[in-house]
Protein backbone atom coordinates (compact mmCIF):
# COMPACT_ATOMS: atom_id res chain seq x y z
CA MET A 1 34.12 10.43 17.53
CA GLN A 2 30.95 8.47 18.16
CA ARG A 3 28.22 8.60 15.55
CA HIS A 4 24.61 8.70 16.55
CA PHE A 5 22.22 6.69 14.46
CA THR A 6 18.69 7.96 14.25
CA PRO A 7 16.48 5.28 12.76
CA THR A 8 13.79 6.41 10.38
CA LEU A 9 10.41 4.94 11.00
CA ALA A 10 8.87 3.06 8.13
CA ARG A 11 5.68 4.68 6.93
CA ILE A 12 3.00 2.05 6.65
CA GLY A 13 -0.25 2.73 4.84
CA ILE A 14 -3.32 0.66 5.68
CA PHE A 15 -6.25 0.97 3.27
CA ARG A 16 -9.73 -0.52 2.88
CA THR A 17 -10.34 -1.71 -0.70
CA ASN A 18 -12.64 -3.91 -2.74
CA ILE A 19 -9.81 -5.94 -4.32
CA GLY A 20 -11.35 -9.41 -4.11
CA THR A 21 -9.57 -11.83 -6.45
CA MET A 22 -6.06 -13.24 -6.66
CA HIS A 23 -5.72 -11.87 -10.19
CA ALA A 24 -6.70 -8.36 -9.12
CA ARG A 25 -4.46 -8.62 -6.06
CA LYS A 26 -1.42 -9.54 -8.16
CA ARG A 27 -2.15 -6.81 -10.70
CA VAL A 28 -2.52 -4.04 -8.09
CA ILE A 29 0.51 -5.13 -6.06
CA SER A 30 2.64 -5.26 -9.19
CA ALA A 31 1.42 -1.85 -10.35
CA ILE A 32 2.10 -0.23 -6.96
CA CYS A 33 5.58 -1.77 -6.65
CA ASN A 34 6.47 -0.71 -10.20
CA THR A 35 5.18 2.85 -9.75
CA PHE A 36 6.13 3.85 -6.20
CA GLU A 37 9.12 3.40 -3.90
CA VAL A 38 7.79 0.91 -1.36
CA ALA A 39 9.47 -1.89 0.60
CA SER A 40 6.51 -4.24 0.25
CA CYS A 41 2.85 -4.34 -0.57
CA ASN A 42 0.13 -6.83 0.35
CA VAL A 43 -3.63 -7.26 -0.02
CA ASP A 44 -5.53 -9.54 2.36
CA ILE A 45 -8.43 -10.65 0.16
CA GLU A 46 -9.76 -12.89 2.97
CA ASP A 47 -10.35 -9.90 5.28
CA CYS A 48 -13.79 -8.25 5.10
CA ASP A 49 -12.09 -4.89 4.37
CA LYS A 50 -9.79 -6.37 1.67
CA VAL A 51 -6.91 -4.60 3.44
CA LEU A 52 -4.11 -3.15 1.34
CA ARG A 53 -0.92 -2.70 3.37
CA VAL A 54 1.93 -0.67 1.90
CA VAL A 55 5.21 -0.73 3.86
CA ASP A 56 7.86 1.99 3.84
CA MET A 57 5.89 4.35 1.65
CA ARG A 58 7.81 7.25 0.21
CA VAL A 59 4.63 8.78 -1.11
CA ASP A 60 1.58 10.27 0.57
CA GLU A 61 -1.55 8.20 1.23
CA ARG A 62 -3.61 10.28 -1.19
CA SER A 63 -1.34 9.26 -4.08
CA ILE A 64 -1.81 5.56 -3.27
CA ILE A 65 -5.58 6.02 -2.98
CA GLN A 66 -5.83 7.82 -6.32
CA PHE A 67 -3.59 5.24 -8.00
CA VAL A 68 -5.64 2.28 -6.76
CA GLN A 69 -8.84 4.06 -7.81
CA GLN A 70 -7.35 4.60 -11.28
CA GLN A 71 -6.83 0.83 -11.41
CA GLY A 72 -10.61 0.49 -11.02
CA PHE A 73 -10.91 -0.27 -7.30
CA GLU A 74 -12.26 1.47 -4.25
CA CYS A 75 -9.62 2.61 -1.77
CA GLU A 76 -9.66 4.62 1.44
CA VAL A 77 -7.54 4.92 4.57
CA LEU A 78 -8.58 2.32 7.13
CA GLU A 79 -9.12 4.13 10.41
């Protein structure tokens, strides 16, 4: 019997933030990775939108936004 493999697509969240320092970047990435099931997390502090990228999210975007805001930063979905 042949098995069919249906790959699951990784959910990737892309957010605009105001995370602007290496210290803040490390703190937010660590907090997200310790709180949510994600494959990886990154903040590009060189980009004008300070883009937060969360790969393989197993949580809705609203939860990430609220969490980042609770950490003291602005966060919204980057359209």
